Amino acid sequence: MNNVLINHESIHLKQQLELFILPFFIWYGIEFLIRLLYYKKWNMAYRNISFEREAYLNESNLNYLNEKGFWKFLKYLRNYDFQAK
């Protein structure tokens, strides 16, 4: 089992719970569309969604879920180009 992948997806599950699931997907979709207009590339738009930034940047920290603050993804809303592996 890939612990990094499981941790990445667990971060998303926690984000969903923090936003009561449906608002998470609405926010995710709207933010993706905004980022797609900005970057004009699907992959760059996806990688720069705040939820993905938080998950990618912390996926290797297997203790992150214990350290994660409430709505921590807001920290990742700032606009900077993020290129994940």
PDB file of N, CA and C in Angstrom:
ATOM      1  N   MET A   1       0.853  -1.181   0.000  1.00  0.00           N
ATOM      2  CA  MET A   1       0.000   0.000   0.000  1.00  0.00           C
ATOM      3  C   MET A   1       0.897   1.243   0.000  1.00  0.00           C
ATOM      4  N   ASN A   2       0.496   2.225  -0.730  1.00  0.00           N
ATOM      5  CA  ASN A   2       1.256   3.455  -0.820  1.00  0.00           C
ATOM      6  C   ASN A   2       0.766   4.428   0.250  1.00  0.00           C
ATOM      7  N   ASN A   3       1.534   4.566   1.327  1.00  0.00           N
ATOM      8  CA  ASN A   3       1.118   5.403   2.456  1.00  0.00           C
ATOM      9  C   ASN A   3       0.988   6.869   2.082  1.00  0.00           C
ATOM     10  N   VAL A   4       1.813   7.338   1.141  1.00  0.00           N
ATOM     11  CA  VAL A   4       1.743   8.739   0.721  1.00  0.00           C
ATOM     12  C   VAL A   4       0.414   8.996   0.004  1.00  0.00           C
ATOM     13  N   LEU A   5       0.036   8.103  -0.899  1.00  0.00           N
ATOM     14  CA  LEU A   5      -1.246   8.243  -1.615  1.00  0.00           C
ATOM     15  C   LEU A   5      -2.425   8.174  -0.647  1.00  0.00           C
ATOM     16  N   ILE A   6      -2.364   7.247   0.277  1.00  0.00           N
ATOM     17  CA  ILE A   6      -3.439   7.120   1.273  1.00  0.00           C
ATOM     18  C   ILE A   6      -3.522   8.394   2.114  1.00  0.00           C
ATOM     19  N   ASN A   7      -2.381   8.947   2.489  1.00  0.00           N
ATOM     20  CA  ASN A   7      -2.369  10.182   3.271  1.00  0.00           C
ATOM     21  C   ASN A   7      -2.935  11.340   2.457  1.00  0.00           C
ATOM     22  N   HIS A   8      -2.557  11.427   1.170  1.00  0.00           N
ATOM     23  CA  HIS A   8      -3.073  12.480   0.287  1.00  0.00           C
ATOM     24  C   HIS A   8      -4.609  12.430   0.251  1.00  0.00           C
ATOM     25  N   GLU A   9      -5.138  11.247   0.036  1.00  0.00           N
ATOM     26  CA  GLU A   9      -6.596  11.102  -0.043  1.00  0.00           C
ATOM     27  C   GLU A   9      -7.261  11.299   1.323  1.00  0.00           C
ATOM     28  N   SER A  10      -6.577  10.948   2.385  1.00  0.00           N
ATOM     29  CA  SER A  10      -7.113  11.179   3.734  1.00  0.00           C
ATOM     30  C   SER A  10      -7.199  12.672   4.036  1.00  0.00           C
ATOM     31  N   ILE A  11      -6.258  13.430   3.528  1.00  0.00           N
ATOM     32  CA  ILE A  11      -6.315  14.891   3.680  1.00  0.00           C
ATOM     33  C   ILE A  11      -7.568  15.417   2.986  1.00  0.00           C
ATOM     34  N   HIS A  12      -7.856  14.884   1.785  1.00  0.00           N
ATOM     35  CA  HIS A  12      -9.083  15.293   1.085  1.00  0.00           C
ATOM     36  C   HIS A  12     -10.334  14.912   1.873  1.00  0.00           C
ATOM     37  N   LEU A  13     -10.331  13.751   2.471  1.00  0.00           N
ATOM     38  CA  LEU A  13     -11.497  13.339   3.270  1.00  0.00           C
ATOM     39  C   LEU A  13     -11.723  14.295   4.435  1.00  0.00           C
ATOM     40  N   LYS A  14     -10.640  14.708   5.076  1.00  0.00           N
ATOM     41  CA  LYS A  14     -10.772  15.656   6.188  1.00  0.00           C
ATOM     42  C   LYS A  14     -11.276  17.007   5.682  1.00  0.00           C
ATOM     43  N   GLN A  15     -10.792  17.448   4.521  1.00  0.00           N
ATOM     44  CA  GLN A  15     -11.272  18.701   3.931  1.00  0.00           C
ATOM     45  C   GLN A  15     -12.775  18.609   3.664  1.00  0.00           C
ATOM     46  N   GLN A  16     -13.204  17.472   3.134  1.00  0.00           N
ATOM     47  CA  GLN A  16     -14.626  17.282   2.846  1.00  0.00           C
ATOM     48  C   GLN A  16     -15.462  17.343   4.115  1.00  0.00           C
ATOM     49  N   LEU A  17     -14.989  16.722   5.169  1.00  0.00           N
ATOM     50  CA  LEU A  17     -15.720  16.746   6.434  1.00  0.00           C
ATOM     51  C   LEU A  17     -15.795  18.161   7.006  1.00  0.00           C
ATOM     52  N   GLU A  18     -14.713  18.925   6.852  1.00  0.00           N
ATOM     53  CA  GLU A  18     -14.694  20.300   7.357  1.00  0.00           C
ATOM     54  C   GLU A  18     -15.717  21.183   6.640  1.00  0.00           C
ATOM     55  N   LEU A  19     -15.994  20.869   5.381  1.00  0.00           N
ATOM     56  CA  LEU A  19     -16.945  21.668   4.595  1.00  0.00           C
ATOM     57  C   LEU A  19     -18.299  20.966   4.412  1.00  0.00           C
ATOM     58  N   PHE A  20     -18.524  19.891   5.140  1.00  0.00           N
ATOM     59  CA  PHE A  20     -19.792  19.149   5.073  1.00  0.00           C
ATOM     60  C   PHE A  20     -20.055  18.585   3.677  1.00  0.00           C
ATOM     61  N   ILE A  21     -19.052  18.084   3.032  1.00  0.00           N
ATOM     62  CA  ILE A  21     -19.029  17.313   1.794  1.00  0.00           C
ATOM     63  C   ILE A  21     -19.528  18.077   0.564  1.00  0.00           C
ATOM     64  N   LEU A  22     -20.804  18.377   0.431  1.00  0.00           N
ATOM     65  CA  LEU A  22     -21.310  19.016  -0.786  1.00  0.00           C
ATOM     66  C   LEU A  22     -20.654  20.373  -1.052  1.00  0.00           C
ATOM     67  N   PRO A  23     -20.559  21.260  -0.064  1.00  0.00           N
ATOM     68  CA  PRO A  23     -19.859  22.528  -0.331  1.00  0.00           C
ATOM     69  C   PRO A  23     -18.403  22.333  -0.774  1.00  0.00           C
ATOM     70  N   PHE A  24     -17.761  21.264  -0.303  1.00  0.00           N
ATOM     71  CA  PHE A  24     -16.393  20.967  -0.743  1.00  0.00           C
ATOM     72  C   PHE A  24     -16.354  20.798  -2.255  1.00  0.00           C
ATOM     73  N   PHE A  25     -17.249  19.984  -2.789  1.00  0.00           N
ATOM     74  CA  PHE A  25     -17.241  19.703  -4.227  1.00  0.00           C
ATOM     75  C   PHE A  25     -17.648  20.930  -5.044  1.00  0.00           C
ATOM     76  N   ILE A  26     -18.559  21.729  -4.515  1.00  0.00           N
ATOM     77  CA  ILE A  26     -18.937  22.969  -5.205  1.00  0.00           C
ATOM     78  C   ILE A  26     -17.742  23.918  -5.247  1.00  0.00           C
ATOM     79  N   TRP A  27     -17.101  24.118  -4.097  1.00  0.00           N
ATOM     80  CA  TRP A  27     -15.924  24.993  -4.008  1.00  0.00           C
ATOM     81  C   TRP A  27     -14.821  24.478  -4.935  1.00  0.00           C
ATOM     82  N   TYR A  28     -14.580  23.164  -4.881  1.00  0.00           N
ATOM     83  CA  TYR A  28     -13.540  22.528  -5.698  1.00  0.00           C
ATOM     84  C   TYR A  28     -13.779  22.831  -7.176  1.00  0.00           C
ATOM     85  N   GLY A  29     -15.005  22.634  -7.624  1.00  0.00           N
ATOM     86  CA  GLY A  29     -15.347  22.856  -9.035  1.00  0.00           C
ATOM     87  C   GLY A  29     -15.208  24.308  -9.448  1.00  0.00           C
ATOM     88  N   ILE A  30     -15.702  25.216  -8.619  1.00  0.00           N
ATOM     89  CA  ILE A  30     -15.605  26.643  -8.938  1.00  0.00           C
ATOM     90  C   ILE A  30     -14.151  27.088  -8.952  1.00  0.00           C
ATOM     91  N   GLU A  31     -13.382  26.669  -7.951  1.00  0.00           N
ATOM     92  CA  GLU A  31     -11.976  27.050  -7.916  1.00  0.00           C
ATOM     93  C   GLU A  31     -11.222  26.480  -9.118  1.00  0.00           C
ATOM     94  N   PHE A  32     -11.555  25.254  -9.515  1.00  0.00           N
ATOM     95  CA  PHE A  32     -10.912  24.675 -10.698  1.00  0.00           C
ATOM     96  C   PHE A  32     -11.195  25.529 -11.935  1.00  0.00           C
ATOM     97  N   LEU A  33     -12.433  25.936 -12.120  1.00  0.00           N
ATOM     98  CA  LEU A  33     -12.786  26.744 -13.296  1.00  0.00           C
ATOM     99  C   LEU A  33     -12.064  28.091 -13.289  1.00  0.00           C
ATOM    100  N   ILE A  34     -11.969  28.714 -12.127  1.00  0.00           N
ATOM    101  CA  ILE A  34     -11.249  29.987 -12.012  1.00  0.00           C
ATOM    102  C   ILE A  34      -9.775  29.779 -12.354  1.00  0.00           C
ATOM    103  N   ARG A  35      -9.187  28.738 -11.806  1.00  0.00           N
ATOM    104  CA  ARG A  35      -7.769  28.461 -12.075  1.00  0.00           C
ATOM    105  C   ARG A  35      -7.549  28.075 -13.543  1.00  0.00           C
ATOM    106  N   LEU A  36      -8.512  27.411 -14.150  1.00  0.00           N
ATOM    107  CA  LEU A  36      -8.399  27.053 -15.562  1.00  0.00           C
ATOM    108  C   LEU A  36      -8.401  28.314 -16.434  1.00  0.00           C
ATOM    109  N   LEU A  37      -9.234  29.269 -16.084  1.00  0.00           N
ATOM    110  CA  LEU A  37      -9.229  30.552 -16.811  1.00  0.00           C
ATOM    111  C   LEU A  37      -7.890  31.260 -16.651  1.00  0.00           C
ATOM    112  N   TYR A  38      -7.310  31.152 -15.474  1.00  0.00           N
ATOM    113  CA  TYR A  38      -6.048  31.830 -15.185  1.00  0.00           C
ATOM    114  C   TYR A  38      -4.868  31.142 -15.870  1.00  0.00           C
ATOM    115  N   TYR A  39      -4.756  29.814 -15.707  1.00  0.00           N
ATOM    116  CA  TYR A  39      -3.592  29.084 -16.215  1.00  0.00           C
ATOM    117  C   TYR A  39      -3.744  28.619 -17.655  1.00  0.00           C
ATOM    118  N   LYS A  40      -4.978  28.437 -18.101  1.00  0.00           N
ATOM    119  CA  LYS A  40      -5.269  27.956 -19.453  1.00  0.00           C
ATOM    120  C   LYS A  40      -4.741  26.542 -19.729  1.00  0.00           C
ATOM    121  N   LYS A  41      -4.383  25.830 -18.685  1.00  0.00           N
ATOM    122  CA  LYS A  41      -3.926  24.447 -18.794  1.00  0.00           C
ATOM    123  C   LYS A  41      -4.608  23.638 -17.700  1.00  0.00           C
ATOM    124  N   TRP A  42      -5.229  22.524 -18.102  1.00  0.00           N
ATOM    125  CA  TRP A  42      -5.989  21.708 -17.162  1.00  0.00           C
ATOM    126  C   TRP A  42      -5.132  21.268 -15.984  1.00  0.00           C
ATOM    127  N   ASN A  43      -3.931  20.732 -16.264  1.00  0.00           N
ATOM    128  CA  ASN A  43      -3.090  20.194 -15.202  1.00  0.00           C
ATOM    129  C   ASN A  43      -2.656  21.281 -14.221  1.00  0.00           C
ATOM    130  N   MET A  44      -2.273  22.444 -14.734  1.00  0.00           N
ATOM    131  CA  MET A  44      -1.871  23.548 -13.855  1.00  0.00           C
ATOM    132  C   MET A  44      -3.051  24.017 -13.012  1.00  0.00           C
ATOM    133  N   ALA A  45      -4.228  24.068 -13.601  1.00  0.00           N
ATOM    134  CA  ALA A  45      -5.424  24.465 -12.857  1.00  0.00           C
ATOM    135  C   ALA A  45      -5.697  23.477 -11.732  1.00  0.00           C
ATOM    136  N   TYR A  46      -5.647  22.198 -12.051  1.00  0.00           N
ATOM    137  CA  TYR A  46      -5.884  21.142 -11.054  1.00  0.00           C
ATOM    138  C   TYR A  46      -4.860  21.204  -9.921  1.00  0.00           C
ATOM    139  N   ARG A  47      -3.580  21.304 -10.271  1.00  0.00           N
ATOM    140  CA  ARG A  47      -2.517  21.296  -9.271  1.00  0.00           C
ATOM    141  C   ARG A  47      -2.562  22.513  -8.353  1.00  0.00           C
ATOM    142  N   ASN A  48      -3.200  23.582  -8.795  1.00  0.00           N
ATOM    143  CA  ASN A  48      -3.219  24.821  -8.016  1.00  0.00           C
ATOM    144  C   ASN A  48      -4.520  25.066  -7.264  1.00  0.00           C
ATOM    145  N   ILE A  49      -5.438  24.112  -7.275  1.00  0.00           N
ATOM    146  CA  ILE A  49      -6.621  24.198  -6.422  1.00  0.00           C
ATOM    147  C   ILE A  49      -6.128  24.139  -4.978  1.00  0.00           C
ATOM    148  N   SER A  50      -6.647  24.986  -4.127  1.00  0.00           N
ATOM    149  CA  SER A  50      -6.153  25.066  -2.748  1.00  0.00           C
ATOM    150  C   SER A  50      -6.185  23.710  -2.039  1.00  0.00           C
ATOM    151  N   PHE A  51      -7.213  22.916  -2.273  1.00  0.00           N
ATOM    152  CA  PHE A  51      -7.319  21.598  -1.647  1.00  0.00           C
ATOM    153  C   PHE A  51      -6.179  20.685  -2.114  1.00  0.00           C
ATOM    154  N   GLU A  52      -5.856  20.764  -3.403  1.00  0.00           N
ATOM    155  CA  GLU A  52      -4.773  19.938  -3.947  1.00  0.00           C
ATOM    156  C   GLU A  52      -3.411  20.421  -3.462  1.00  0.00           C
ATOM    157  N   ARG A  53      -3.234  21.730  -3.383  1.00  0.00           N
ATOM    158  CA  ARG A  53      -1.968  22.260  -2.870  1.00  0.00           C
ATOM    159  C   ARG A  53      -1.703  21.732  -1.464  1.00  0.00           C
ATOM    160  N   GLU A  54      -2.731  21.829  -0.620  1.00  0.00           N
ATOM    161  CA  GLU A  54      -2.562  21.351   0.754  1.00  0.00           C
ATOM    162  C   GLU A  54      -2.229  19.861   0.761  1.00  0.00           C
ATOM    163  N   ALA A  55      -2.950  19.075  -0.028  1.00  0.00           N
ATOM    164  CA  ALA A  55      -2.740  17.627  -0.031  1.00  0.00           C
ATOM    165  C   ALA A  55      -1.366  17.263  -0.601  1.00  0.00           C
ATOM    166  N   TYR A  56      -0.982  17.860  -1.724  1.00  0.00           N
ATOM    167  CA  TYR A  56       0.315  17.528  -2.317  1.00  0.00           C
ATOM    168  C   TYR A  56       1.481  17.971  -1.434  1.00  0.00           C
ATOM    169  N   LEU A  57       1.392  19.150  -0.869  1.00  0.00           N
ATOM    170  CA  LEU A  57       2.511  19.661  -0.081  1.00  0.00           C
ATOM    171  C   LEU A  57       2.666  18.945   1.265  1.00  0.00           C
ATOM    172  N   ASN A  58       1.634  18.241   1.699  1.00  0.00           N
ATOM    173  CA  ASN A  58       1.689  17.581   3.007  1.00  0.00           C
ATOM    174  C   ASN A  58       1.512  16.069   2.946  1.00  0.00           C
ATOM    175  N   GLU A  59       1.426  15.519   1.755  1.00  0.00           N
ATOM    176  CA  GLU A  59       1.158  14.079   1.629  1.00  0.00           C
ATOM    177  C   GLU A  59       2.270  13.204   2.211  1.00  0.00           C
ATOM    178  N   SER A  60       3.492  13.692   2.217  1.00  0.00           N
ATOM    179  CA  SER A  60       4.612  12.901   2.747  1.00  0.00           C
ATOM    180  C   SER A  60       4.708  12.953   4.264  1.00  0.00           C
ATOM    181  N   ASN A  61       4.031  13.908   4.876  1.00  0.00           N
ATOM    182  CA  ASN A  61       4.010  14.038   6.329  1.00  0.00           C
ATOM    183  C   ASN A  61       2.876  13.158   6.859  1.00  0.00           C
ATOM    184  N   LEU A  62       3.215  11.950   7.232  1.00  0.00           N
ATOM    185  CA  LEU A  62       2.182  10.996   7.655  1.00  0.00           C
ATOM    186  C   LEU A  62       1.525  11.368   8.975  1.00  0.00           C
ATOM    187  N   ASN A  63       2.024  12.396   9.639  1.00  0.00           N
ATOM    188  CA  ASN A  63       1.429  12.886  10.882  1.00  0.00           C
ATOM    189  C   ASN A  63       0.601  14.155  10.637  1.00  0.00           C
ATOM    190  N   TYR A  64       0.483  14.561   9.381  1.00  0.00           N
ATOM    191  CA  TYR A  64      -0.166  15.839   9.059  1.00  0.00           C
ATOM    192  C   TYR A  64      -1.609  15.911   9.555  1.00  0.00           C
ATOM    193  N   LEU A  65      -2.340  14.850   9.415  1.00  0.00           N
ATOM    194  CA  LEU A  65      -3.751  14.880   9.835  1.00  0.00           C
ATOM    195  C   LEU A  65      -3.898  15.163  11.327  1.00  0.00           C
ATOM    196  N   ASN A  66      -2.910  14.779  12.109  1.00  0.00           N
ATOM    197  CA  ASN A  66      -2.939  15.077  13.545  1.00  0.00           C
ATOM    198  C   ASN A  66      -2.559  16.527  13.824  1.00  0.00           C
ATOM    199  N   GLU A  67      -1.826  17.136  12.899  1.00  0.00           N
ATOM    200  CA  GLU A  67      -1.354  18.518  13.067  1.00  0.00           C
ATOM    201  C   GLU A  67      -2.252  19.533  12.356  1.00  0.00           C
ATOM    202  N   LYS A  68      -3.030  19.069  11.397  1.00  0.00           N
ATOM    203  CA  LYS A  68      -3.811  19.943  10.514  1.00  0.00           C
ATOM    204  C   LYS A  68      -4.793  20.792  11.306  1.00  0.00           C
ATOM    205  N   GLY A  69      -4.748  22.088  11.052  1.00  0.00           N
ATOM    206  CA  GLY A  69      -5.722  22.984  11.655  1.00  0.00           C
ATOM    207  C   GLY A  69      -7.011  23.003  10.848  1.00  0.00           C
ATOM    208  N   PHE A  70      -8.066  23.497  11.461  1.00  0.00           N
ATOM    209  CA  PHE A  70      -9.375  23.580  10.809  1.00  0.00           C
ATOM    210  C   PHE A  70      -9.317  24.566   9.649  1.00  0.00           C
ATOM    211  N   TRP A  71      -9.817  24.165   8.481  1.00  0.00           N
ATOM    212  CA  TRP A  71      -9.850  24.964   7.256  1.00  0.00           C
ATOM    213  C   TRP A  71      -8.454  25.441   6.856  1.00  0.00           C
ATOM    214  N   LYS A  72      -7.460  24.628   7.101  1.00  0.00           N
ATOM    215  CA  LYS A  72      -6.070  24.970   6.787  1.00  0.00           C
ATOM    216  C   LYS A  72      -5.866  25.200   5.284  1.00  0.00           C
ATOM    217  N   PHE A  73      -6.736  24.620   4.458  1.00  0.00           N
ATOM    218  CA  PHE A  73      -6.618  24.793   3.011  1.00  0.00           C
ATOM    219  C   PHE A  73      -6.704  26.257   2.594  1.00  0.00           C
ATOM    220  N   LEU A  74      -7.313  27.102   3.436  1.00  0.00           N
ATOM    221  CA  LEU A  74      -7.421  28.532   3.105  1.00  0.00           C
ATOM    222  C   LEU A  74      -6.042  29.173   2.936  1.00  0.00           C
ATOM    223  N   LYS A  75      -5.070  28.644   3.656  1.00  0.00           N
ATOM    224  CA  LYS A  75      -3.697  29.132   3.542  1.00  0.00           C
ATOM    225  C   LYS A  75      -3.180  28.972   2.111  1.00  0.00           C
ATOM    226  N   TYR A  76      -3.718  27.998   1.386  1.00  0.00           N
ATOM    227  CA  TYR A  76      -3.236  27.669   0.050  1.00  0.00           C
ATOM    228  C   TYR A  76      -4.031  28.355  -1.061  1.00  0.00           C
ATOM    229  N   LEU A  77      -4.900  29.287  -0.720  1.00  0.00           N
ATOM    230  CA  LEU A  77      -5.671  30.008  -1.730  1.00  0.00           C
ATOM    231  C   LEU A  77      -4.831  31.047  -2.476  1.00  0.00           C
ATOM    232  N   ARG A  78      -3.769  31.515  -1.821  1.00  0.00           N
ATOM    233  CA  ARG A  78      -2.921  32.516  -2.480  1.00  0.00           C
ATOM    234  C   ARG A  78      -2.518  32.029  -3.856  1.00  0.00           C
ATOM    235  N   ASN A  79      -2.360  32.967  -4.771  1.00  0.00           N
ATOM    236  CA  ASN A  79      -2.052  32.610  -6.142  1.00  0.00           C
ATOM    237  C   ASN A  79      -0.548  32.519  -6.355  1.00  0.00           C
ATOM    238  N   TYR A  80      -0.058  31.332  -6.447  1.00  0.00           N
ATOM    239  CA  TYR A  80       1.321  31.094  -6.842  1.00  0.00           C
ATOM    240  C   TYR A  80       1.328  29.800  -7.635  1.00  0.00           C
ATOM    241  N   ASP A  81       2.254  29.687  -8.542  1.00  0.00           N
ATOM    242  CA  ASP A  81       2.295  28.514  -9.421  1.00  0.00           C
ATOM    243  C   ASP A  81       2.909  27.333  -8.685  1.00  0.00           C
ATOM    244  N   PHE A  82       2.133  26.304  -8.552  1.00  0.00           N
ATOM    245  CA  PHE A  82       2.573  25.096  -7.849  1.00  0.00           C
ATOM    246  C   PHE A  82       2.675  23.962  -8.860  1.00  0.00           C
ATOM    247  N   GLN A  83       3.816  23.353  -8.928  1.00  0.00           N
ATOM    248  CA  GLN A  83       4.037  22.203  -9.797  1.00  0.00           C
ATOM    249  C   GLN A  83       4.316  20.991  -8.923  1.00  0.00           C
ATOM    250  N   ALA A  84       3.351  20.152  -8.733  1.00  0.00           N
ATOM    251  CA  ALA A  84       3.571  18.938  -7.948  1.00  0.00           C
ATOM    252  C   ALA A  84       4.277  17.903  -8.811  1.00  0.00           C
ATOM    253  N   LYS A  85       4.832  16.914  -8.151  1.00  0.00           N
ATOM    254  CA  LYS A  85       5.556  15.849  -8.859  1.00  0.00           C
ATOM    255  C   LYS A  85       4.674  15.177  -9.874  1.00  0.00           C
TER     256      LYS A  85
END
